[in-house]
PDB file of N, CA and C in Angstrom:
ATOM      1  N   MET A   1      56.503  84.914 156.855  1.00  0.00           N
ATOM      2  CA  MET A   1      56.969  83.794 157.670  1.00  0.00           C
ATOM      3  C   MET A   1      55.792  83.292 158.512  1.00  0.00           C
ATOM      4  N   LEU A   2      55.650  82.017 158.603  1.00  0.00           N
ATOM      5  CA  LEU A   2      54.581  81.439 159.397  1.00  0.00           C
ATOM      6  C   LEU A   2      54.807  81.694 160.876  1.00  0.00           C
ATOM      7  N   GLU A   3      53.718  81.830 161.599  1.00  0.00           N
ATOM      8  CA  GLU A   3      53.798  82.120 163.035  1.00  0.00           C
ATOM      9  C   GLU A   3      54.561  81.028 163.786  1.00  0.00           C
ATOM     10  N   GLN A   4      54.355  79.767 163.421  1.00  0.00           N
ATOM     11  CA  GLN A   4      55.052  78.664 164.095  1.00  0.00           C
ATOM     12  C   GLN A   4      56.560  78.737 163.867  1.00  0.00           C
ATOM     13  N   GLU A   5      56.965  79.094 162.651  1.00  0.00           N
ATOM     14  CA  GLU A   5      58.395  79.229 162.355  1.00  0.00           C
ATOM     15  C   GLU A   5      58.999  80.362 163.169  1.00  0.00           C
ATOM     16  N   LYS A   6      58.263  81.467 163.267  1.00  0.00           N
ATOM     17  CA  LYS A   6      58.744  82.616 164.026  1.00  0.00           C
ATOM     18  C   LYS A   6      58.907  82.245 165.497  1.00  0.00           C
ATOM     19  N   GLU A   7      57.935  81.541 166.054  1.00  0.00           N
ATOM     20  CA  GLU A   7      58.016  81.111 167.455  1.00  0.00           C
ATOM     21  C   GLU A   7      59.201  80.176 167.669  1.00  0.00           C
ATOM     22  N   LYS A   8      59.446  79.281 166.722  1.00  0.00           N
ATOM     23  CA  LYS A   8      60.578  78.363 166.826  1.00  0.00           C
ATOM     24  C   LYS A   8      61.893  79.136 166.822  1.00  0.00           C
ATOM     25  N   GLU A   9      62.014  80.112 165.927  1.00  0.00           N
ATOM     26  CA  GLU A   9      63.233  80.915 165.866  1.00  0.00           C
ATOM     27  C   GLU A   9      63.439  81.702 167.155  1.00  0.00           C
ATOM     28  N   ILE A  10      62.367  82.215 167.728  1.00  0.00           N
ATOM     29  CA  ILE A  10      62.467  82.966 168.980  1.00  0.00           C
ATOM     30  C   ILE A  10      62.918  82.050 170.112  1.00  0.00           C
ATOM     31  N   LYS A  11      62.402  80.838 170.160  1.00  0.00           N
ATOM     32  CA  LYS A  11      62.833  79.880 171.187  1.00  0.00           C
ATOM     33  C   LYS A  11      64.310  79.527 171.013  1.00  0.00           C
ATOM     34  N   GLU A  12      64.744  79.360 169.768  1.00  0.00           N
ATOM     35  CA  GLU A  12      66.160  79.075 169.504  1.00  0.00           C
ATOM     36  C   GLU A  12      67.035  80.247 169.946  1.00  0.00           C
ATOM     37  N   LEU A  13      66.577  81.466 169.696  1.00  0.00           N
ATOM     38  CA  LEU A  13      67.313  82.644 170.157  1.00  0.00           C
ATOM     39  C   LEU A  13      67.411  82.664 171.675  1.00  0.00           C
ATOM     40  N   ASP A  14      66.306  82.345 172.345  1.00  0.00           N
ATOM     41  CA  ASP A  14      66.312  82.304 173.813  1.00  0.00           C
ATOM     42  C   ASP A  14      67.355  81.314 174.323  1.00  0.00           C
ATOM     43  N   GLU A  15      67.421  80.144 173.709  1.00  0.00           N
ATOM     44  CA  GLU A  15      68.399  79.131 174.117  1.00  0.00           C
ATOM     45  C   GLU A  15      69.822  79.622 173.866  1.00  0.00           C
ATOM     46  N   TRP A  16      70.046  80.245 172.713  1.00  0.00           N
ATOM     47  CA  TRP A  16      71.366  80.763 172.372  1.00  0.00           C
ATOM     48  C   TRP A  16      71.789  81.844 173.361  1.00  0.00           C
ATOM     49  N   MET A  17      70.845  82.713 173.731  1.00  0.00           N
ATOM     50  CA  MET A  17      71.170  83.826 174.623  1.00  0.00           C
ATOM     51  C   MET A  17      71.505  83.373 176.041  1.00  0.00           C
ATOM     52  N   LYS A  18      71.042  82.210 176.436  1.00  0.00           N
ATOM     53  CA  LYS A  18      71.335  81.715 177.788  1.00  0.00           C
ATOM     54  C   LYS A  18      72.834  81.545 178.018  1.00  0.00           C
ATOM     55  N   GLY A  19      73.579  81.234 176.968  1.00  0.00           N
ATOM     56  CA  GLY A  19      75.010  80.992 177.110  1.00  0.00           C
ATOM     57  C   GLY A  19      75.883  82.200 176.812  1.00  0.00           C
ATOM     58  N   ILE A  20      75.287  83.335 176.527  1.00  0.00           N
ATOM     59  CA  ILE A  20      76.051  84.529 176.148  1.00  0.00           C
ATOM     60  C   ILE A  20      76.546  85.261 177.386  1.00  0.00           C
ATOM     61  N   LEU A  21      77.838  85.547 177.410  1.00  0.00           N
ATOM     62  CA  LEU A  21      78.433  86.299 178.511  1.00  0.00           C
ATOM     63  C   LEU A  21      78.774  87.731 178.101  1.00  0.00           C
ATOM     64  N   ASP A  22      78.978  87.951 176.806  1.00  0.00           N
ATOM     65  CA  ASP A  22      79.336  89.271 176.298  1.00  0.00           C
ATOM     66  C   ASP A  22      78.084  90.144 176.183  1.00  0.00           C
ATOM     67  N   GLY A  23      78.120  91.308 176.798  1.00  0.00           N
ATOM     68  CA  GLY A  23      76.964  92.204 176.823  1.00  0.00           C
ATOM     69  C   GLY A  23      76.492  92.645 175.453  1.00  0.00           C
ATOM     70  N   ARG A  24      77.428  92.943 174.546  1.00  0.00           N
ATOM     71  CA  ARG A  24      77.033  93.381 173.201  1.00  0.00           C
ATOM     72  C   ARG A  24      76.335  92.259 172.437  1.00  0.00           C
ATOM     73  N   GLU A  25      76.840  91.049 172.574  1.00  0.00           N
ATOM     74  CA  GLU A  25      76.204  89.920 171.889  1.00  0.00           C
ATOM     75  C   GLU A  25      74.815  89.650 172.460  1.00  0.00           C
ATOM     76  N   LEU A  26      74.674  89.791 173.758  1.00  0.00           N
ATOM     77  CA  LEU A  26      73.357  89.607 174.376  1.00  0.00           C
ATOM     78  C   LEU A  26      72.388  90.671 173.865  1.00  0.00           C
ATOM     79  N   LYS A  27      72.830  91.921 173.805  1.00  0.00           N
ATOM     80  CA  LYS A  27      71.976  92.986 173.264  1.00  0.00           C
ATOM     81  C   LYS A  27      71.592  92.686 171.826  1.00  0.00           C
ATOM     82  N   ARG A  28      72.540  92.167 171.049  1.00  0.00           N
ATOM     83  CA  ARG A  28      72.240  91.837 169.656  1.00  0.00           C
ATOM     84  C   ARG A  28      71.178  90.739 169.579  1.00  0.00           C
ATOM     85  N   GLY A  29      71.295  89.728 170.438  1.00  0.00           N
ATOM     86  CA  GLY A  29      70.291  88.665 170.470  1.00  0.00           C
ATOM     87  C   GLY A  29      68.921  89.185 170.858  1.00  0.00           C
ATOM     88  N   ILE A  30      68.884  90.062 171.842  1.00  0.00           N
ATOM     89  CA  ILE A  30      67.612  90.661 172.265  1.00  0.00           C
ATOM     90  C   ILE A  30      67.028  91.488 171.125  1.00  0.00           C
ATOM     91  N   ALA A  31      67.883  92.241 170.431  1.00  0.00           N
ATOM     92  CA  ALA A  31      67.419  93.059 169.308  1.00  0.00           C
ATOM     93  C   ALA A  31      66.803  92.187 168.218  1.00  0.00           C
ATOM     94  N   VAL A  32      67.465  91.091 167.879  1.00  0.00           N
ATOM     95  CA  VAL A  32      66.939  90.182 166.850  1.00  0.00           C
ATOM     96  C   VAL A  32      65.588  89.632 167.290  1.00  0.00           C
ATOM     97  N   LYS A  33      65.493  89.234 168.541  1.00  0.00           N
ATOM     98  CA  LYS A  33      64.238  88.691 169.066  1.00  0.00           C
ATOM     99  C   LYS A  33      63.118  89.724 168.970  1.00  0.00           C
ATOM    100  N   LEU A  34      63.399  90.955 169.353  1.00  0.00           N
ATOM    101  CA  LEU A  34      62.376  91.995 169.315  1.00  0.00           C
ATOM    102  C   LEU A  34      61.970  92.343 167.884  1.00  0.00           C
ATOM    103  N   VAL A  35      62.924  92.336 166.954  1.00  0.00           N
ATOM    104  CA  VAL A  35      62.589  92.575 165.546  1.00  0.00           C
ATOM    105  C   VAL A  35      61.645  91.488 165.060  1.00  0.00           C
ATOM    106  N   LYS A  36      61.941  90.243 165.391  1.00  0.00           N
ATOM    107  CA  LYS A  36      61.089  89.129 164.970  1.00  0.00           C
ATOM    108  C   LYS A  36      59.694  89.218 165.581  1.00  0.00           C
ATOM    109  N   GLN A  37      59.594  89.876 166.740  1.00  0.00           N
ATOM    110  CA  GLN A  37      58.302  90.051 167.390  1.00  0.00           C
ATOM    111  C   GLN A  37      57.562  91.288 166.879  1.00  0.00           C
ATOM    112  N   GLY A  38      58.181  92.000 165.932  1.00  0.00           N
ATOM    113  CA  GLY A  38      57.502  93.121 165.299  1.00  0.00           C
ATOM    114  C   GLY A  38      57.786  94.498 165.877  1.00  0.00           C
ATOM    115  N   TRP A  39      58.743  94.607 166.768  1.00  0.00           N
ATOM    116  CA  TRP A  39      59.087  95.900 167.349  1.00  0.00           C
ATOM    117  C   TRP A  39      59.761  96.780 166.301  1.00  0.00           C
ATOM    118  N   ALA A  40      59.576  98.085 166.421  1.00  0.00           N
ATOM    119  CA  ALA A  40      60.234  99.054 165.544  1.00  0.00           C
ATOM    120  C   ALA A  40      61.692  99.219 165.963  1.00  0.00           C
ATOM    121  N   TYR A  41      62.564  99.427 164.969  1.00  0.00           N
ATOM    122  CA  TYR A  41      63.991  99.599 165.260  1.00  0.00           C
ATOM    123  C   TYR A  41      64.230 100.725 166.258  1.00  0.00           C
ATOM    124  N   ARG A  42      63.519 101.834 166.092  1.00  0.00           N
ATOM    125  CA  ARG A  42      63.731 102.983 166.975  1.00  0.00           C
ATOM    126  C   ARG A  42      63.398 102.635 168.423  1.00  0.00           C
ATOM    127  N   ALA A  43      62.317 101.892 168.635  1.00  0.00           N
ATOM    128  CA  ALA A  43      61.934 101.493 169.991  1.00  0.00           C
ATOM    129  C   ALA A  43      62.979 100.558 170.595  1.00  0.00           C
ATOM    130  N   ILE A  44      63.465  99.620 169.803  1.00  0.00           N
ATOM    131  CA  ILE A  44      64.481  98.679 170.283  1.00  0.00           C
ATOM    132  C   ILE A  44      65.758  99.431 170.644  1.00  0.00           C
ATOM    133  N   ALA A  45      66.161 100.349 169.766  1.00  0.00           N
ATOM    134  CA  ALA A  45      67.378 101.129 170.012  1.00  0.00           C
ATOM    135  C   ALA A  45      67.262 101.908 171.316  1.00  0.00           C
ATOM    136  N   GLU A  46      66.094 102.461 171.560  1.00  0.00           N
ATOM    137  CA  GLU A  46      65.878 103.229 172.787  1.00  0.00           C
ATOM    138  C   GLU A  46      65.930 102.328 174.018  1.00  0.00           C
ATOM    139  N   ILE A  47      65.278 101.187 173.948  1.00  0.00           N
ATOM    140  CA  ILE A  47      65.244 100.252 175.077  1.00  0.00           C
ATOM    141  C   ILE A  47      66.641  99.741 175.414  1.00  0.00           C
ATOM    142  N   LEU A  48      67.407  99.375 174.387  1.00  0.00           N
ATOM    143  CA  LEU A  48      68.728  98.776 174.591  1.00  0.00           C
ATOM    144  C   LEU A  48      69.852  99.808 174.661  1.00  0.00           C
ATOM    145  N   ASN A  49      69.495 101.070 174.435  1.00  0.00           N
ATOM    146  CA  ASN A  49      70.482 102.152 174.437  1.00  0.00           C
ATOM    147  C   ASN A  49      71.589 101.899 173.406  1.00  0.00           C
ATOM    148  N   VAL A  50      71.149 101.594 172.175  1.00  0.00           N
ATOM    149  CA  VAL A  50      72.062 101.366 171.059  1.00  0.00           C
ATOM    150  C   VAL A  50      71.573 102.175 169.856  1.00  0.00           C
ATOM    151  N   SER A  51      72.382 102.222 168.803  1.00  0.00           N
ATOM    152  CA  SER A  51      71.993 102.941 167.591  1.00  0.00           C
ATOM    153  C   SER A  51      71.123 102.057 166.697  1.00  0.00           C
ATOM    154  N   ASN A  52      70.401 102.703 165.773  1.00  0.00           N
ATOM    155  CA  ASN A  52      69.619 101.935 164.804  1.00  0.00           C
ATOM    156  C   ASN A  52      70.521 101.045 163.961  1.00  0.00           C
ATOM    157  N   SER A  53      71.733 101.522 163.651  1.00  0.00           N
ATOM    158  CA  SER A  53      72.639 100.718 162.828  1.00  0.00           C
ATOM    159  C   SER A  53      73.091  99.454 163.560  1.00  0.00           C
ATOM    160  N   PHE A  54      73.163  99.496 164.881  1.00  0.00           N
ATOM    161  CA  PHE A  54      73.497  98.305 165.670  1.00  0.00           C
ATOM    162  C   PHE A  54      72.451  97.222 165.430  1.00  0.00           C
ATOM    163  N   ILE A  55      71.207  97.630 165.341  1.00  0.00           N
ATOM    164  CA  ILE A  55      70.101  96.687 165.181  1.00  0.00           C
ATOM    165  C   ILE A  55      70.019  96.164 163.753  1.00  0.00           C
ATOM    166  N   SER A  56      70.298  97.013 162.797  1.00  0.00           N
ATOM    167  CA  SER A  56      70.118  96.621 161.400  1.00  0.00           C
ATOM    168  C   SER A  56      71.262  95.788 160.836  1.00  0.00           C
ATOM    169  N   LYS A  57      72.301  95.526 161.620  1.00  0.00           N
ATOM    170  CA  LYS A  57      73.432  94.711 161.141  1.00  0.00           C
ATOM    171  C   LYS A  57      73.034  93.272 160.983  1.00  0.00           C
TER     172      LYS A  57
END
């Protein structure tokens, strides 16, 4: 994926997350953003206090 496309998707995620009130959905949005930024699933799971399967959905 091109870097510009990735940045655009991350900005769209940021906008989407601004309107989220549900904690699980917000965590899911953060997880997607971190995956797109190259974070490892295990690190994301630890930061968000969720399982790896939560992230891989």
